[in-house]
Amino acid sequence: MMSKGKKFAMYAFLTIFSLISIFPLYYMFCAATNKSVDVIAGRLYPGTYLVENYKSLIANQNLGLALWNSFRNSVVLTVLCLVVCSIAGYGFEIYHDRGKDAVFTVLLTAMMIPFAAVMIPMFRMFSTLGMVNTMAAFMLPSISTPFMIMMFRQASRSFPHDIIEAARIDGLSEIAIFFRMFFPTMRSTYAAAMTIVFMNAWNNYLWPKVILLTNDSITMPMLVANLLGGYTVDYGMLMLGVFICTIPTAIVFFCLQKSFAEGITGAVK
C-alpha cells in the first residue's frame, strides 16, 4: 500500500505537470479573446475582444473554405490510409515470407528519410504527370506510410491465427476473414491509427503548400500561415485562427483517447 505522503506527492507532481501541459492551450484561448497589444503585453486572463477578432479573421481570410478543405482532405485521406495500411500490415504478418520481410525492411528504412529530401523529386514527378494542384497529388504520398503499416503489422501479431485457420476450414474467403473477423477485432488499433492519421492530415502544411497552388485549395494550416504575412501581425486574430485550427484535432483525440491508448499498446478484445 502507498503511504499518504507518497500518494500526496504523486498527485501534486501530476497536478503541477498537468497544469504546465494545459497552460499553452489556456494562453492560446486568452490571446484569442484579447487585442493584439494585450497579447504582446502578456495578458494572462480572457478579454472581451473575441467577436472583433473573429470578424477580422473572416474579413481577411476565407475561414469557411479552409475549414471545409481541411475537413474533407483529412477525412478522405484518413479512410484511404486506414484501408490501405491495414490490409498491407495484415498481409505482411499473416502471409509473411523472406521476400516480404525484405520488403518490410526497406519500408522501415524509408522511415529514416526526411520528407524534405523527397519533396522536390515528388513535385517533379507529379508535375511531369500533370497532377499538380489535384487532390490525388495531395493524397498519394500519404495514403500508405511505413509507420502505419508497421503499426498494423504489430497489431496483427496479436490476432489469433487459429481463428483464421478455422474460418478457412469453414469456407470463408480471405477478404471475408479480413473484413468480418480482423477488422471488428482490431477496433482499438483502428481508432489509434485514425487519431494519428487525422491529426497528421489536418496539421499538414508543407506538402499542401507546395502541391496545391490556388486559393481555392487553402487549408487551415495555410490560413494560419497567411495571418503571419504582412508588415504587422494581429496576434489576437492569429491566435484565434490557431485556436479554431486546434479544435477538430482536440475533439478527435478526446473522443478516442481510451481506444487510442489500447491501440498503441496492442490490446485486442
C-alpha atoms as a PDB file:
ATOM      1  CA  MET A   1       0.000   0.000   0.000  1.00  0.00           C
ATOM      2  CA  MET A   2       1.212   3.500  -0.847  1.00  0.00           C
ATOM      3  CA  SER A   3       1.541   5.812   2.154  1.00  0.00           C
ATOM      4  CA  LYS A   4      -0.459   9.031   2.335  1.00  0.00           C
ATOM      5  CA  GLY A   5       2.681  11.118   1.960  1.00  0.00           C
ATOM      6  CA  LYS A   6       3.779   9.340  -1.210  1.00  0.00           C
ATOM      7  CA  LYS A   7       0.266   9.493  -2.615  1.00  0.00           C
ATOM      8  CA  PHE A   8       0.051  13.232  -1.916  1.00  0.00           C
ATOM      9  CA  ALA A   9       3.455  13.813  -3.553  1.00  0.00           C
ATOM     10  CA  MET A  10       2.429  11.785  -6.596  1.00  0.00           C
ATOM     11  CA  TYR A  11      -0.831  13.674  -7.086  1.00  0.00           C
ATOM     12  CA  ALA A  12       0.893  17.004  -6.510  1.00  0.00           C
ATOM     13  CA  PHE A  13       3.519  16.116  -9.121  1.00  0.00           C
ATOM     14  CA  LEU A  14       0.855  15.038 -11.638  1.00  0.00           C
ATOM     15  CA  THR A  15      -1.241  18.155 -10.945  1.00  0.00           C
ATOM     16  CA  ILE A  16       1.689  20.508 -11.473  1.00  0.00           C
ATOM     17  CA  PHE A  17       2.728  18.937 -14.747  1.00  0.00           C
ATOM     18  CA  SER A  18      -0.893  18.740 -15.926  1.00  0.00           C
ATOM     19  CA  LEU A  19      -1.210  22.489 -15.384  1.00  0.00           C
ATOM     20  CA  ILE A  20       2.060  23.063 -17.249  1.00  0.00           C
ATOM     21  CA  SER A  21       0.744  20.969 -20.143  1.00  0.00           C
ATOM     22  CA  ILE A  22      -2.599  22.793 -20.228  1.00  0.00           C
ATOM     23  CA  PHE A  23      -1.116  26.295 -19.943  1.00  0.00           C
ATOM     24  CA  PRO A  24      -0.328  26.721 -23.686  1.00  0.00           C
ATOM     25  CA  LEU A  25      -3.962  25.921 -24.530  1.00  0.00           C
ATOM     26  CA  TYR A  26      -5.167  28.337 -21.858  1.00  0.00           C
ATOM     27  CA  TYR A  27      -2.843  31.061 -23.119  1.00  0.00           C
ATOM     28  CA  MET A  28      -3.975  30.453 -26.701  1.00  0.00           C
ATOM     29  CA  PHE A  29      -7.618  30.914 -25.661  1.00  0.00           C
ATOM     30  CA  CYS A  30      -6.824  34.057 -23.650  1.00  0.00           C
ATOM     31  CA  ALA A  31      -4.865  35.543 -26.554  1.00  0.00           C
ATOM     32  CA  ALA A  32      -7.766  34.821 -28.913  1.00  0.00           C
ATOM     33  CA  THR A  33     -10.050  36.979 -26.737  1.00  0.00           C
ATOM     34  CA  ASN A  34      -7.694  39.951 -26.390  1.00  0.00           C
ATOM     35  CA  LYS A  35      -6.394  42.757 -28.589  1.00  0.00           C
ATOM     36  CA  SER A  36      -3.021  42.410 -30.266  1.00  0.00           C
ATOM     37  CA  VAL A  37      -1.440  44.955 -27.904  1.00  0.00           C
ATOM     38  CA  ASP A  38      -2.705  42.994 -24.885  1.00  0.00           C
ATOM     39  CA  VAL A  39      -1.270  39.772 -26.289  1.00  0.00           C
ATOM     40  CA  ILE A  40       2.104  41.444 -26.802  1.00  0.00           C
ATOM     41  CA  ALA A  41       1.901  42.775 -23.237  1.00  0.00           C
ATOM     42  CA  GLY A  42       1.444  39.196 -21.987  1.00  0.00           C
ATOM     43  CA  ARG A  43      -2.080  39.399 -20.547  1.00  0.00           C
ATOM     44  CA  LEU A  44      -2.917  36.023 -18.972  1.00  0.00           C
ATOM     45  CA  TYR A  45      -6.670  36.301 -18.500  1.00  0.00           C
ATOM     46  CA  PRO A  46      -9.554  36.273 -21.004  1.00  0.00           C
ATOM     47  CA  GLY A  47     -10.627  39.524 -22.618  1.00  0.00           C
ATOM     48  CA  THR A  48     -13.693  40.794 -24.440  1.00  0.00           C
ATOM     49  CA  TYR A  49     -12.302  41.099 -27.964  1.00  0.00           C
ATOM     50  CA  LEU A  50     -13.252  37.632 -29.262  1.00  0.00           C
ATOM     51  CA  VAL A  51     -16.050  38.815 -31.584  1.00  0.00           C
ATOM     52  CA  GLU A  52     -13.870  41.565 -33.061  1.00  0.00           C
ATOM     53  CA  ASN A  53     -11.045  39.086 -33.678  1.00  0.00           C
ATOM     54  CA  TYR A  54     -13.475  36.717 -35.375  1.00  0.00           C
ATOM     55  CA  LYS A  55     -14.844  39.489 -37.611  1.00  0.00           C
ATOM     56  CA  SER A  56     -11.293  40.468 -38.577  1.00  0.00           C
ATOM     57  CA  LEU A  57     -10.434  36.839 -39.295  1.00  0.00           C
ATOM     58  CA  ILE A  58     -13.351  36.186 -41.644  1.00  0.00           C
ATOM     59  CA  ALA A  59     -12.796  39.573 -43.297  1.00  0.00           C
ATOM     60  CA  ASN A  60      -9.162  38.774 -44.104  1.00  0.00           C
ATOM     61  CA  GLN A  61      -9.363  35.025 -44.813  1.00  0.00           C
ATOM     62  CA  ASN A  62     -11.881  32.562 -46.219  1.00  0.00           C
ATOM     63  CA  LEU A  63     -12.321  30.635 -42.970  1.00  0.00           C
ATOM     64  CA  GLY A  64     -15.255  28.513 -44.125  1.00  0.00           C
ATOM     65  CA  LEU A  65     -13.446  27.310 -47.251  1.00  0.00           C
ATOM     66  CA  ALA A  66     -10.285  26.497 -45.268  1.00  0.00           C
ATOM     67  CA  LEU A  67     -12.257  24.504 -42.707  1.00  0.00           C
ATOM     68  CA  TRP A  68     -14.117  22.591 -45.415  1.00  0.00           C
ATOM     69  CA  ASN A  69     -10.947  21.797 -47.372  1.00  0.00           C
ATOM     70  CA  SER A  70      -9.097  20.630 -44.270  1.00  0.00           C
ATOM     71  CA  PHE A  71     -12.031  18.526 -43.069  1.00  0.00           C
ATOM     72  CA  ARG A  72     -12.615  16.938 -46.490  1.00  0.00           C
ATOM     73  CA  ASN A  73      -8.922  16.252 -47.093  1.00  0.00           C
ATOM     74  CA  SER A  74      -8.396  14.817 -43.614  1.00  0.00           C
ATOM     75  CA  VAL A  75     -11.441  12.528 -43.645  1.00  0.00           C
ATOM     76  CA  VAL A  76     -10.825  11.139 -47.143  1.00  0.00           C
ATOM     77  CA  LEU A  77      -7.100  10.673 -46.500  1.00  0.00           C
ATOM     78  CA  THR A  78      -7.779   9.001 -43.139  1.00  0.00           C
ATOM     79  CA  VAL A  79     -10.222   6.481 -44.635  1.00  0.00           C
ATOM     80  CA  LEU A  80      -7.931   5.614 -47.541  1.00  0.00           C
ATOM     81  CA  CYS A  81      -4.852   5.341 -45.331  1.00  0.00           C
ATOM     82  CA  LEU A  82      -6.583   3.059 -42.822  1.00  0.00           C
ATOM     83  CA  VAL A  83      -7.832   0.721 -45.544  1.00  0.00           C
ATOM     84  CA  VAL A  84      -4.538   0.517 -47.448  1.00  0.00           C
ATOM     85  CA  CYS A  85      -2.200   0.316 -44.442  1.00  0.00           C
ATOM     86  CA  SER A  86      -4.332  -2.164 -42.502  1.00  0.00           C
ATOM     87  CA  ILE A  87      -4.503  -4.523 -45.494  1.00  0.00           C
ATOM     88  CA  ALA A  88      -0.745  -4.145 -46.046  1.00  0.00           C
ATOM     89  CA  GLY A  89       0.105  -4.726 -42.371  1.00  0.00           C
ATOM     90  CA  TYR A  90      -2.247  -7.717 -42.198  1.00  0.00           C
ATOM     91  CA  GLY A  91      -0.724  -9.189 -45.348  1.00  0.00           C
ATOM     92  CA  PHE A  92       2.863  -8.710 -44.165  1.00  0.00           C
ATOM     93  CA  GLU A  93       2.147 -10.621 -40.943  1.00  0.00           C
ATOM     94  CA  ILE A  94      -0.326 -13.302 -41.987  1.00  0.00           C
ATOM     95  CA  TYR A  95       1.313 -14.183 -45.307  1.00  0.00           C
ATOM     96  CA  HIS A  96       4.901 -13.221 -44.497  1.00  0.00           C
ATOM     97  CA  ASP A  97       7.911 -14.932 -46.031  1.00  0.00           C
ATOM     98  CA  ARG A  98      11.529 -13.938 -46.585  1.00  0.00           C
ATOM     99  CA  GLY A  99      10.706 -11.829 -49.619  1.00  0.00           C
ATOM    100  CA  LYS A 100       8.008  -9.865 -47.813  1.00  0.00           C
ATOM    101  CA  ASP A 101      10.276  -9.455 -44.783  1.00  0.00           C
ATOM    102  CA  ALA A 102      12.916  -7.905 -47.056  1.00  0.00           C
ATOM    103  CA  VAL A 103      10.333  -5.501 -48.487  1.00  0.00           C
ATOM    104  CA  PHE A 104       9.208  -4.607 -44.976  1.00  0.00           C
ATOM    105  CA  THR A 105      12.816  -3.866 -44.020  1.00  0.00           C
ATOM    106  CA  VAL A 106      13.007  -1.440 -46.946  1.00  0.00           C
ATOM    107  CA  LEU A 107       9.815   0.224 -45.704  1.00  0.00           C
ATOM    108  CA  LEU A 108      11.255   0.652 -42.227  1.00  0.00           C
ATOM    109  CA  THR A 109      14.406   2.121 -43.735  1.00  0.00           C
ATOM    110  CA  ALA A 110      12.256   4.645 -45.601  1.00  0.00           C
ATOM    111  CA  MET A 111      11.042   5.974 -42.243  1.00  0.00           C
ATOM    112  CA  MET A 112      14.514   7.424 -41.661  1.00  0.00           C
ATOM    113  CA  ILE A 113      14.399   9.564 -44.822  1.00  0.00           C
ATOM    114  CA  PRO A 114      13.141  13.094 -44.055  1.00  0.00           C
ATOM    115  CA  PHE A 115      10.250  14.354 -46.126  1.00  0.00           C
ATOM    116  CA  ALA A 116      12.249  17.398 -47.252  1.00  0.00           C
ATOM    117  CA  ALA A 117      14.656  15.047 -49.060  1.00  0.00           C
ATOM    118  CA  VAL A 118      11.916  13.545 -51.263  1.00  0.00           C
ATOM    119  CA  MET A 119       9.646  16.571 -51.627  1.00  0.00           C
ATOM    120  CA  ILE A 120      11.369  18.027 -54.711  1.00  0.00           C
ATOM    121  CA  PRO A 121      11.563  14.672 -56.611  1.00  0.00           C
ATOM    122  CA  MET A 122       7.877  14.056 -55.804  1.00  0.00           C
ATOM    123  CA  PHE A 123       6.880  17.501 -57.033  1.00  0.00           C
ATOM    124  CA  ARG A 124       8.797  16.983 -60.286  1.00  0.00           C
ATOM    125  CA  MET A 125       7.158  13.588 -60.728  1.00  0.00           C
ATOM    126  CA  PHE A 126       3.638  14.926 -60.196  1.00  0.00           C
ATOM    127  CA  SER A 127       4.425  17.931 -62.379  1.00  0.00           C
ATOM    128  CA  THR A 128       5.544  15.640 -65.216  1.00  0.00           C
ATOM    129  CA  LEU A 129       2.316  13.648 -64.853  1.00  0.00           C
ATOM    130  CA  GLY A 130       0.244  16.842 -64.933  1.00  0.00           C
ATOM    131  CA  MET A 131      -1.129  16.245 -61.438  1.00  0.00           C
ATOM    132  CA  VAL A 132      -0.091  19.500 -59.754  1.00  0.00           C
ATOM    133  CA  ASN A 133      -2.948  21.156 -57.849  1.00  0.00           C
ATOM    134  CA  THR A 134      -5.014  17.960 -57.702  1.00  0.00           C
ATOM    135  CA  MET A 135      -6.380  16.003 -54.744  1.00  0.00           C
ATOM    136  CA  ALA A 136      -4.625  12.875 -55.999  1.00  0.00           C
ATOM    137  CA  ALA A 137      -1.217  14.564 -55.804  1.00  0.00           C
ATOM    138  CA  PHE A 138      -2.014  15.747 -52.296  1.00  0.00           C
ATOM    139  CA  MET A 139      -3.135  12.359 -51.003  1.00  0.00           C
ATOM    140  CA  LEU A 140      -0.985   9.785 -52.795  1.00  0.00           C
ATOM    141  CA  PRO A 141       2.216  10.401 -50.765  1.00  0.00           C
ATOM    142  CA  SER A 142       0.284   9.900 -47.502  1.00  0.00           C
ATOM    143  CA  ILE A 143      -2.126   7.082 -48.347  1.00  0.00           C
ATOM    144  CA  SER A 144       0.455   4.471 -47.377  1.00  0.00           C
ATOM    145  CA  THR A 145       3.059   5.251 -44.718  1.00  0.00           C
ATOM    146  CA  PRO A 146       5.692   2.880 -43.261  1.00  0.00           C
ATOM    147  CA  PHE A 147       4.701   3.759 -39.693  1.00  0.00           C
ATOM    148  CA  MET A 148       1.029   2.873 -40.201  1.00  0.00           C
ATOM    149  CA  ILE A 149       1.911  -0.379 -41.965  1.00  0.00           C
ATOM    150  CA  MET A 150       4.279  -1.286 -39.123  1.00  0.00           C
ATOM    151  CA  MET A 151       1.601  -0.429 -36.565  1.00  0.00           C
ATOM    152  CA  PHE A 152      -0.984  -2.709 -38.188  1.00  0.00           C
ATOM    153  CA  ARG A 153       1.570  -5.471 -38.667  1.00  0.00           C
ATOM    154  CA  GLN A 154       2.411  -5.372 -34.963  1.00  0.00           C
ATOM    155  CA  ALA A 155      -1.299  -5.456 -34.125  1.00  0.00           C
ATOM    156  CA  SER A 156      -1.794  -8.419 -36.466  1.00  0.00           C
ATOM    157  CA  ARG A 157       0.709 -10.423 -34.428  1.00  0.00           C
ATOM    158  CA  SER A 158      -1.722 -10.469 -31.506  1.00  0.00           C
ATOM    159  CA  PHE A 159      -4.588 -11.641 -33.725  1.00  0.00           C
ATOM    160  CA  PRO A 160      -5.201 -15.388 -33.091  1.00  0.00           C
ATOM    161  CA  HIS A 161      -4.087 -17.317 -36.155  1.00  0.00           C
ATOM    162  CA  ASP A 162      -6.216 -20.288 -35.066  1.00  0.00           C
ATOM    163  CA  ILE A 163      -9.308 -18.222 -35.847  1.00  0.00           C
ATOM    164  CA  ILE A 164      -8.049 -17.652 -39.372  1.00  0.00           C
ATOM    165  CA  GLU A 165      -7.462 -21.368 -39.913  1.00  0.00           C
ATOM    166  CA  ALA A 166     -10.911 -22.204 -38.534  1.00  0.00           C
ATOM    167  CA  ALA A 167     -12.508 -19.607 -40.807  1.00  0.00           C
ATOM    168  CA  ARG A 168     -10.698 -21.037 -43.834  1.00  0.00           C
ATOM    169  CA  ILE A 169     -11.962 -24.513 -42.966  1.00  0.00           C
ATOM    170  CA  ASP A 170     -15.490 -23.110 -42.736  1.00  0.00           C
ATOM    171  CA  GLY A 171     -15.094 -21.744 -46.259  1.00  0.00           C
ATOM    172  CA  LEU A 172     -14.639 -18.024 -45.647  1.00  0.00           C
ATOM    173  CA  SER A 173     -12.629 -16.182 -48.277  1.00  0.00           C
ATOM    174  CA  GLU A 174      -9.525 -14.216 -47.321  1.00  0.00           C
ATOM    175  CA  ILE A 175     -11.362 -10.928 -47.925  1.00  0.00           C
ATOM    176  CA  ALA A 176     -14.248 -12.041 -45.712  1.00  0.00           C
ATOM    177  CA  ILE A 177     -11.821 -13.086 -42.964  1.00  0.00           C
ATOM    178  CA  PHE A 178     -10.237  -9.629 -43.035  1.00  0.00           C
ATOM    179  CA  PHE A 179     -13.425  -7.554 -43.038  1.00  0.00           C
ATOM    180  CA  ARG A 180     -15.646  -9.801 -40.892  1.00  0.00           C
ATOM    181  CA  MET A 181     -13.101 -11.011 -38.316  1.00  0.00           C
ATOM    182  CA  PHE A 182      -9.906  -8.962 -38.306  1.00  0.00           C
ATOM    183  CA  PHE A 183     -11.496  -5.554 -38.771  1.00  0.00           C
ATOM    184  CA  PRO A 184     -14.008  -5.774 -35.843  1.00  0.00           C
ATOM    185  CA  THR A 185     -11.401  -7.308 -33.522  1.00  0.00           C
ATOM    186  CA  MET A 186      -8.868  -4.516 -34.125  1.00  0.00           C
ATOM    187  CA  ARG A 187     -11.193  -1.601 -33.402  1.00  0.00           C
ATOM    188  CA  SER A 188      -8.837  -0.058 -30.847  1.00  0.00           C
ATOM    189  CA  THR A 189      -5.938  -0.244 -33.298  1.00  0.00           C
ATOM    190  CA  TYR A 190      -8.044   1.420 -35.985  1.00  0.00           C
ATOM    191  CA  ALA A 191      -9.062   4.134 -33.504  1.00  0.00           C
ATOM    192  CA  ALA A 192      -5.435   4.831 -32.603  1.00  0.00           C
ATOM    193  CA  ALA A 193      -4.415   4.872 -36.262  1.00  0.00           C
ATOM    194  CA  MET A 194      -7.345   7.121 -37.153  1.00  0.00           C
ATOM    195  CA  THR A 195      -6.306   9.614 -34.483  1.00  0.00           C
ATOM    196  CA  ILE A 196      -2.722   9.741 -35.733  1.00  0.00           C
ATOM    197  CA  VAL A 197      -3.591   9.940 -39.437  1.00  0.00           C
ATOM    198  CA  PHE A 198      -6.333  12.538 -38.964  1.00  0.00           C
ATOM    199  CA  MET A 199      -4.092  14.775 -36.857  1.00  0.00           C
ATOM    200  CA  ASN A 200      -1.222  14.488 -39.346  1.00  0.00           C
ATOM    201  CA  ALA A 201      -3.515  15.190 -42.299  1.00  0.00           C
ATOM    202  CA  TRP A 202      -5.187  18.145 -40.580  1.00  0.00           C
ATOM    203  CA  ASN A 203      -1.888  19.730 -39.484  1.00  0.00           C
ATOM    204  CA  ASN A 204      -0.045  19.038 -42.741  1.00  0.00           C
ATOM    205  CA  TYR A 205       1.301  22.292 -44.143  1.00  0.00           C
ATOM    206  CA  LEU A 206       4.441  21.817 -46.247  1.00  0.00           C
ATOM    207  CA  TRP A 207       3.239  19.401 -48.933  1.00  0.00           C
ATOM    208  CA  PRO A 208      -0.186  21.070 -49.496  1.00  0.00           C
ATOM    209  CA  LYS A 209       1.599  24.414 -49.749  1.00  0.00           C
ATOM    210  CA  VAL A 210       3.868  23.001 -52.456  1.00  0.00           C
ATOM    211  CA  ILE A 211       1.397  20.949 -54.498  1.00  0.00           C
ATOM    212  CA  LEU A 212      -1.860  22.958 -54.104  1.00  0.00           C
ATOM    213  CA  LEU A 213      -1.334  26.262 -55.891  1.00  0.00           C
ATOM    214  CA  THR A 214      -4.733  28.002 -55.990  1.00  0.00           C
ATOM    215  CA  ASN A 215      -6.518  29.954 -53.270  1.00  0.00           C
ATOM    216  CA  ASP A 216      -9.482  27.587 -53.577  1.00  0.00           C
ATOM    217  CA  SER A 217      -7.304  24.806 -52.099  1.00  0.00           C
ATOM    218  CA  ILE A 218      -6.392  26.658 -48.902  1.00  0.00           C
ATOM    219  CA  THR A 219      -6.319  24.607 -45.688  1.00  0.00           C
ATOM    220  CA  MET A 220      -6.330  25.699 -42.051  1.00  0.00           C
ATOM    221  CA  PRO A 221      -2.535  25.485 -41.552  1.00  0.00           C
ATOM    222  CA  MET A 222      -2.095  27.537 -44.736  1.00  0.00           C
ATOM    223  CA  LEU A 223      -4.651  30.071 -43.460  1.00  0.00           C
ATOM    224  CA  VAL A 224      -2.789  30.435 -40.166  1.00  0.00           C
ATOM    225  CA  ALA A 225       0.479  30.919 -42.065  1.00  0.00           C
ATOM    226  CA  ASN A 226      -1.190  33.653 -44.146  1.00  0.00           C
ATOM    227  CA  LEU A 227      -2.046  35.529 -40.947  1.00  0.00           C
ATOM    228  CA  LEU A 228       1.678  35.921 -40.300  1.00  0.00           C
ATOM    229  CA  GLY A 229       2.197  37.760 -43.591  1.00  0.00           C
ATOM    230  CA  GLY A 230       2.444  41.482 -43.995  1.00  0.00           C
ATOM    231  CA  TYR A 231       4.312  44.164 -42.106  1.00  0.00           C
ATOM    232  CA  THR A 232       2.233  43.928 -38.942  1.00  0.00           C
ATOM    233  CA  VAL A 233       0.678  40.897 -37.257  1.00  0.00           C
ATOM    234  CA  ASP A 234      -2.643  40.983 -35.414  1.00  0.00           C
ATOM    235  CA  TYR A 235      -1.796  38.475 -32.687  1.00  0.00           C
ATOM    236  CA  GLY A 236      -5.330  38.320 -31.357  1.00  0.00           C
ATOM    237  CA  MET A 237      -6.656  37.324 -34.783  1.00  0.00           C
ATOM    238  CA  LEU A 238      -3.703  34.981 -35.282  1.00  0.00           C
ATOM    239  CA  MET A 239      -4.273  33.153 -32.009  1.00  0.00           C
ATOM    240  CA  LEU A 240      -7.986  32.855 -32.765  1.00  0.00           C
ATOM    241  CA  GLY A 241      -7.079  31.183 -36.057  1.00  0.00           C
ATOM    242  CA  VAL A 242      -4.717  28.815 -34.235  1.00  0.00           C
ATOM    243  CA  PHE A 243      -7.410  28.085 -31.638  1.00  0.00           C
ATOM    244  CA  ILE A 244     -10.008  27.245 -34.325  1.00  0.00           C
ATOM    245  CA  CYS A 245      -7.433  25.078 -36.118  1.00  0.00           C
ATOM    246  CA  THR A 246      -6.792  23.157 -32.893  1.00  0.00           C
ATOM    247  CA  ILE A 247     -10.420  22.358 -32.023  1.00  0.00           C
ATOM    248  CA  PRO A 248     -11.081  19.480 -34.523  1.00  0.00           C
ATOM    249  CA  THR A 249      -7.939  17.526 -33.627  1.00  0.00           C
ATOM    250  CA  ALA A 250      -8.613  18.032 -29.911  1.00  0.00           C
ATOM    251  CA  ILE A 251     -12.172  16.717 -30.324  1.00  0.00           C
ATOM    252  CA  VAL A 252     -10.976  13.654 -32.237  1.00  0.00           C
ATOM    253  CA  PHE A 253      -8.312  12.871 -29.647  1.00  0.00           C
ATOM    254  CA  PHE A 254     -10.541  13.309 -26.596  1.00  0.00           C
ATOM    255  CA  CYS A 255     -13.299  11.193 -28.141  1.00  0.00           C
ATOM    256  CA  LEU A 256     -10.885   8.375 -28.976  1.00  0.00           C
ATOM    257  CA  GLN A 257      -8.320   8.693 -26.180  1.00  0.00           C
ATOM    258  CA  LYS A 258      -9.296   5.424 -24.465  1.00  0.00           C
ATOM    259  CA  SER A 259      -9.183   3.457 -27.709  1.00  0.00           C
ATOM    260  CA  PHE A 260      -6.001   5.303 -28.658  1.00  0.00           C
ATOM    261  CA  ALA A 261      -4.231   4.049 -25.524  1.00  0.00           C
ATOM    262  CA  GLU A 262      -5.462   0.486 -26.099  1.00  0.00           C
ATOM    263  CA  GLY A 263      -4.484   0.548 -29.764  1.00  0.00           C
ATOM    264  CA  ILE A 264      -0.977   1.862 -29.122  1.00  0.00           C
ATOM    265  CA  THR A 265      -0.329  -0.882 -26.563  1.00  0.00           C
ATOM    266  CA  GLY A 266      -1.635  -3.527 -28.986  1.00  0.00           C
ATOM    267  CA  ALA A 267      -4.661  -4.565 -26.912  1.00  0.00           C
ATOM    268  CA  VAL A 268      -7.100  -6.917 -28.618  1.00  0.00           C
ATOM    269  CA  LYS A 269     -10.647  -7.514 -27.446  1.00  0.00           C
END
